[in-house]
Amino acid sequence: MNVLIVYAHPEAKSFNGAMKDLAVETLTRAGHDVVVSDLYAMGFNPVAGPGDVSGERNDPDFFSLPREQTAAYEAGALSADISAEIEKVKRADFVLFQFPVWWFGMPAILKGWADRVFARGFAYLPGRKYDTGMFKGKLAMVAATTGTSADTYAPDGIDGDILTVLWPIHNGLLRYSGFDVLPPFVAYMPGRVGDDGRTAYLEAYRMRLKGIDGTPHLFFHAAEDYGKNERLKPGVLARSGVQRNV
């Protein structure tokens, strides 16, 4: 496979850095072609805005990010940094997101990468989402660290089920744009588990990466489970971590 690792941590010696390095080593040894976007090292600009368009804007009087993204993508006029990342995503069969969970989500630099790189026209269009998403046939996975324990992210934990916490990424970013999504690999509070605990995490992560082909994907309801109002049809049992029957 062609693999893209989108890595977001400011410290190369962090456990996130160790996970990224292990992923590169493991996937390369397995014969995959691996490319890393190290967002902090790149100095990636996370702020979407008029600067995302090179040349003349579609509407010079009013800036609409989705409209300008669509026009610029179709015209080949997105900024050079966005275009470079888009080409990486195009080539990738598997996109791996490596980051620490900060305030129940991605670091701002990674959220900004998604805002700018998953541009309208490239990552989504009307009628091209979920089952018919633009990235249908590609695979994605989150690899993350947390500052608190697995218990706090249990279904009855104070921080909430980790799959619920990651739902905006799994469903709102990845499945929305058509990816098949693997279950996340989460290293819970690696800074507090000692050297043996960190070694165990890395070995478990290595085994997960070696077993990608045999790992069941996360469940998302198919389009036929929804009615015209895009709500689950009567009688369909909600099976995601966030949706529920009402």
Protein backbone atom coordinates (compact mmCIF):
# COMPACT_ATOMS: atom_id res chain seq x y z
CA MET A 1 0.00 0.00 0.00
CA ASN A 2 0.88 3.64 -0.25
CA VAL A 3 0.67 4.93 3.32
CA LEU A 4 0.40 8.52 4.51
CA ILE A 5 1.05 9.23 8.20
CA VAL A 6 -0.25 12.62 9.27
CA TYR A 7 1.65 13.29 12.50
CA ALA A 8 0.88 16.09 14.93
CA HIS A 9 3.10 16.48 17.98
CA PRO A 10 5.56 19.30 18.72
CA GLU A 11 8.15 17.05 20.41
CA ALA A 12 10.05 14.45 18.37
CA LYS A 13 11.05 12.55 21.55
CA SER A 14 7.43 12.21 22.69
CA PHE A 15 5.62 8.88 22.83
CA ASN A 16 3.65 10.04 19.80
CA GLY A 17 6.99 10.41 18.07
CA ALA A 18 7.93 6.87 19.10
CA MET A 19 4.62 5.55 17.74
CA LYS A 20 5.14 7.40 14.47
CA ASP A 21 8.68 6.02 14.12
CA LEU A 22 7.49 2.49 14.89
CA ALA A 23 4.72 2.80 12.29
CA VAL A 24 7.20 3.92 9.64
CA GLU A 25 9.53 1.03 10.48
CA THR A 26 6.82 -1.63 10.69
CA LEU A 27 4.93 -0.62 7.58
CA THR A 28 8.10 -0.15 5.52
CA ARG A 29 9.38 -3.58 6.54
CA ALA A 30 6.04 -5.02 5.44
CA GLY A 31 6.70 -3.66 1.96
CA HIS A 32 4.53 -0.57 2.06
CA ASP A 33 5.59 2.85 0.74
CA VAL A 34 5.34 5.28 3.67
CA VAL A 35 5.22 9.08 3.55
CA VAL A 36 5.02 11.24 6.69
CA SER A 37 3.53 14.71 6.98
CA ASP A 38 5.13 15.97 10.21
CA LEU A 39 2.95 19.03 10.66
CA TYR A 40 4.94 20.78 13.37
CA ALA A 41 8.26 20.16 11.62
CA MET A 42 6.73 21.46 8.40
CA GLY A 43 5.40 24.56 10.12
CA PHE A 44 2.06 23.77 8.54
CA ASN A 45 -0.35 26.70 8.60
CA PRO A 46 -3.61 25.45 10.18
CA VAL A 47 -5.67 28.57 9.51
CA ALA A 48 -8.06 28.33 6.58
CA GLY A 49 -8.81 31.59 4.82
CA PRO A 50 -8.34 33.71 1.70
CA GLY A 51 -4.66 32.76 1.54
CA ASP A 52 -5.69 29.23 0.59
CA VAL A 53 -6.42 30.49 -2.91
CA SER A 54 -3.61 31.47 -5.23
CA GLY A 55 -4.54 34.03 -7.83
CA GLU A 56 -7.94 35.64 -8.19
CA ARG A 57 -10.80 34.58 -5.95
CA ASN A 58 -14.06 33.29 -7.34
CA ASP A 59 -15.88 36.04 -5.43
CA PRO A 60 -13.64 38.97 -4.46
CA ASP A 61 -16.43 40.65 -2.49
CA PHE A 62 -17.41 37.87 -0.09
CA PHE A 63 -15.24 35.01 1.12
CA SER A 64 -17.00 31.65 1.42
CA LEU A 65 -14.50 28.92 2.27
CA PRO A 66 -16.40 26.00 0.66
CA ARG A 67 -17.18 27.94 -2.52
CA GLU A 68 -13.64 29.23 -2.87
CA GLN A 69 -12.18 25.79 -2.14
CA THR A 70 -14.33 24.21 -4.85
CA ALA A 71 -13.49 26.82 -7.46
CA ALA A 72 -9.78 26.81 -6.60
CA TYR A 73 -9.52 23.02 -6.60
CA GLU A 74 -11.24 22.78 -9.98
CA ALA A 75 -8.96 25.49 -11.36
CA GLY A 76 -5.79 24.08 -9.83
CA ALA A 77 -5.46 27.28 -7.82
CA LEU A 78 -5.22 26.09 -4.22
CA SER A 79 -2.10 27.25 -2.37
CA ALA A 80 1.05 25.20 -2.79
CA ASP A 81 1.04 23.75 0.74
CA ILE A 82 -2.53 22.49 0.38
CA SER A 83 -1.89 21.10 -3.11
CA ALA A 84 1.14 19.17 -1.85
CA GLU A 85 -0.90 17.51 0.89
CA ILE A 86 -3.75 16.77 -1.49
CA GLU A 87 -1.35 14.88 -3.75
CA LYS A 88 -0.21 12.79 -0.77
CA VAL A 89 -3.82 11.92 0.09
CA LYS A 90 -4.57 11.06 -3.54
CA ARG A 91 -1.69 8.57 -3.64
CA ALA A 92 -2.48 7.02 -0.27
CA ASP A 93 -4.35 3.76 0.14
CA PHE A 94 -4.08 4.04 3.91
CA VAL A 95 -4.00 7.27 5.93
CA LEU A 96 -2.87 7.04 9.55
CA PHE A 97 -3.45 9.96 11.91
CA GLN A 98 -1.04 10.12 14.85
CA PHE A 99 -1.74 12.66 17.60
CA PRO A 100 -2.29 13.30 21.31
CA VAL A 101 -5.88 13.79 22.42
CA TRP A 102 -6.03 17.40 23.58
CA TRP A 103 -9.31 18.71 24.96
CA PHE A 104 -11.17 15.66 23.62
CA GLY A 105 -10.02 16.15 20.06
CA MET A 106 -7.15 16.67 17.67
CA PRO A 107 -4.45 19.30 18.17
CA ALA A 108 -5.35 22.53 16.38
CA ILE A 109 -2.64 22.03 13.76
CA LEU A 110 -4.20 18.72 12.70
CA LYS A 111 -7.74 20.10 12.74
CA GLY A 112 -6.48 22.93 10.55
CA TRP A 113 -4.83 20.42 8.21
CA ALA A 114 -8.23 18.77 7.80
CA ASP A 115 -10.00 22.12 7.33
CA ARG A 116 -7.63 23.09 4.53
CA VAL A 117 -6.68 19.80 2.88
CA PHE A 118 -10.08 18.10 2.94
CA ALA A 119 -11.27 20.87 0.70
CA ARG A 120 -14.69 20.94 -0.88
CA GLY A 121 -14.34 19.66 -4.42
CA PHE A 122 -11.55 17.31 -3.39
CA ALA A 123 -12.87 15.62 -0.23
CA TYR A 124 -16.61 16.12 -0.58
CA LEU A 125 -19.37 17.47 -2.78
CA PRO A 126 -23.17 17.35 -2.63
CA GLY A 127 -24.21 13.72 -2.97
CA ARG A 128 -20.65 12.51 -2.38
CA LYS A 129 -20.46 11.60 1.28
CA TYR A 130 -20.42 8.51 3.49
CA ASP A 131 -21.15 5.45 1.28
CA THR A 132 -20.56 7.52 -1.87
CA GLY A 133 -17.71 9.57 -0.44
CA MET A 134 -14.84 10.82 -2.55
CA PHE A 135 -12.31 8.60 -0.75
CA LYS A 136 -14.27 5.37 -1.14
CA GLY A 137 -11.84 2.44 -1.21
CA LYS A 138 -9.25 4.13 1.01
CA LEU A 139 -8.52 3.04 4.57
CA ALA A 140 -7.92 5.28 7.60
CA MET A 141 -7.02 4.84 11.25
CA VAL A 142 -6.42 6.98 14.33
CA ALA A 143 -3.43 6.28 16.56
CA ALA A 144 -3.55 8.47 19.64
CA THR A 145 -2.37 9.01 23.18
CA THR A 146 -4.32 10.31 26.14
CA GLY A 147 -3.40 12.01 29.38
CA THR A 148 -5.73 9.86 31.50
CA SER A 149 -6.43 6.17 31.95
CA ALA A 150 -8.44 3.67 29.93
CA ASP A 151 -10.98 3.63 32.77
CA THR A 152 -11.80 7.30 32.29
CA TYR A 153 -12.53 6.56 28.61
CA ALA A 154 -14.64 3.46 29.31
CA PRO A 155 -18.34 3.57 28.35
CA ASP A 156 -19.14 4.46 31.98
CA GLY A 157 -16.01 6.56 32.52
CA ILE A 158 -15.98 10.21 33.46
CA ASP A 159 -14.47 11.23 30.09
CA GLY A 160 -16.88 9.11 28.06
CA ASP A 161 -16.44 6.17 25.72
CA ILE A 162 -13.32 6.71 23.58
CA LEU A 163 -15.30 5.84 20.44
CA THR A 164 -17.77 8.58 21.34
CA VAL A 165 -14.93 11.04 21.93
CA LEU A 166 -13.44 10.16 18.53
CA TRP A 167 -16.78 10.12 16.67
CA PRO A 168 -16.28 13.59 15.12
CA ILE A 169 -13.07 12.28 13.55
CA HIS A 170 -14.18 8.75 12.68
CA ASN A 171 -17.57 9.73 11.31
CA GLY A 172 -17.47 13.47 10.71
CA LEU A 173 -14.14 13.55 8.90
CA LEU A 174 -13.15 10.06 7.74
CA ARG A 175 -16.37 8.17 7.05
CA TYR A 176 -18.02 11.36 5.77
CA SER A 177 -15.39 11.55 3.03
CA GLY A 178 -15.75 7.85 2.19
CA PHE A 179 -12.94 6.11 4.08
CA ASP A 180 -13.27 2.68 5.57
CA VAL A 181 -12.16 3.23 9.17
CA LEU A 182 -10.20 0.87 11.38
CA PRO A 183 -10.68 0.84 15.17
CA PRO A 184 -8.31 3.32 16.82
CA PHE A 185 -5.15 2.31 18.61
CA VAL A 186 -5.01 4.30 21.84
CA ALA A 187 -2.08 4.40 24.26
CA TYR A 188 -3.64 5.60 27.51
CA MET A 189 -1.51 7.98 29.60
CA PRO A 190 1.87 6.67 28.35
CA GLY A 191 3.67 9.20 30.50
CA ARG A 192 2.47 7.44 33.64
CA VAL A 193 2.82 3.72 32.86
CA GLY A 194 6.61 3.37 33.12
CA ASP A 195 9.11 1.97 30.65
CA ASP A 196 7.58 -1.52 30.70
CA GLY A 197 4.14 -0.11 30.00
CA ARG A 198 5.40 1.98 27.11
CA THR A 199 7.28 -0.99 25.67
CA ALA A 200 4.10 -3.06 25.88
CA TYR A 201 2.14 -0.33 24.10
CA LEU A 202 4.65 -0.21 21.26
CA GLU A 203 4.65 -3.98 20.85
CA ALA A 204 0.85 -4.04 20.79
CA TYR A 205 0.89 -1.26 18.21
CA ARG A 206 3.39 -3.17 16.08
CA MET A 207 1.10 -6.19 16.11
CA ARG A 208 -1.92 -4.05 15.22
CA LEU A 209 -0.10 -2.59 12.21
CA LYS A 210 1.00 -6.05 11.08
CA GLY A 211 -2.60 -7.25 11.25
CA ILE A 212 -4.31 -4.45 9.36
CA ASP A 213 -5.66 -6.73 6.65
CA GLY A 214 -7.46 -8.92 9.18
CA THR A 215 -8.81 -6.14 11.40
CA PRO A 216 -12.59 -5.61 11.19
CA HIS A 217 -13.59 -2.06 10.29
CA LEU A 218 -15.63 0.22 12.52
CA PHE A 219 -19.35 -0.10 11.99
CA PHE A 220 -21.29 2.70 10.31
CA HIS A 221 -24.89 2.40 9.19
CA ALA A 222 -25.29 2.00 5.43
CA ALA A 223 -27.25 4.54 3.39
CA GLU A 224 -30.24 2.20 3.13
CA ASP A 225 -30.66 2.34 6.92
CA TYR A 226 -31.69 5.99 6.64
CA GLY A 227 -34.89 7.57 5.44
CA LYS A 228 -35.25 10.63 3.22
CA ASN A 229 -34.82 12.82 6.31
CA GLU A 230 -31.41 11.15 6.90
CA ARG A 231 -32.58 9.68 10.20
CA LEU A 232 -32.53 5.96 10.91
CA LYS A 233 -35.63 4.27 9.59
CA PRO A 234 -38.15 2.93 12.10
CA GLY A 235 -37.09 -0.54 13.18
CA VAL A 236 -33.38 -0.04 12.48
CA LEU A 237 -31.43 -0.58 15.69
CA ALA A 238 -28.85 2.17 16.23
CA ARG A 239 -25.47 0.46 16.50
CA SER A 240 -22.96 3.29 16.47
CA GLY A 241 -21.36 4.75 19.57
CA VAL A 242 -23.29 8.01 19.28
CA GLN A 243 -26.57 7.44 17.47
CA ARG A 244 -29.53 6.15 19.45
CA ASN A 245 -33.12 5.23 18.76
CA VAL A 246 -35.71 7.77 19.85
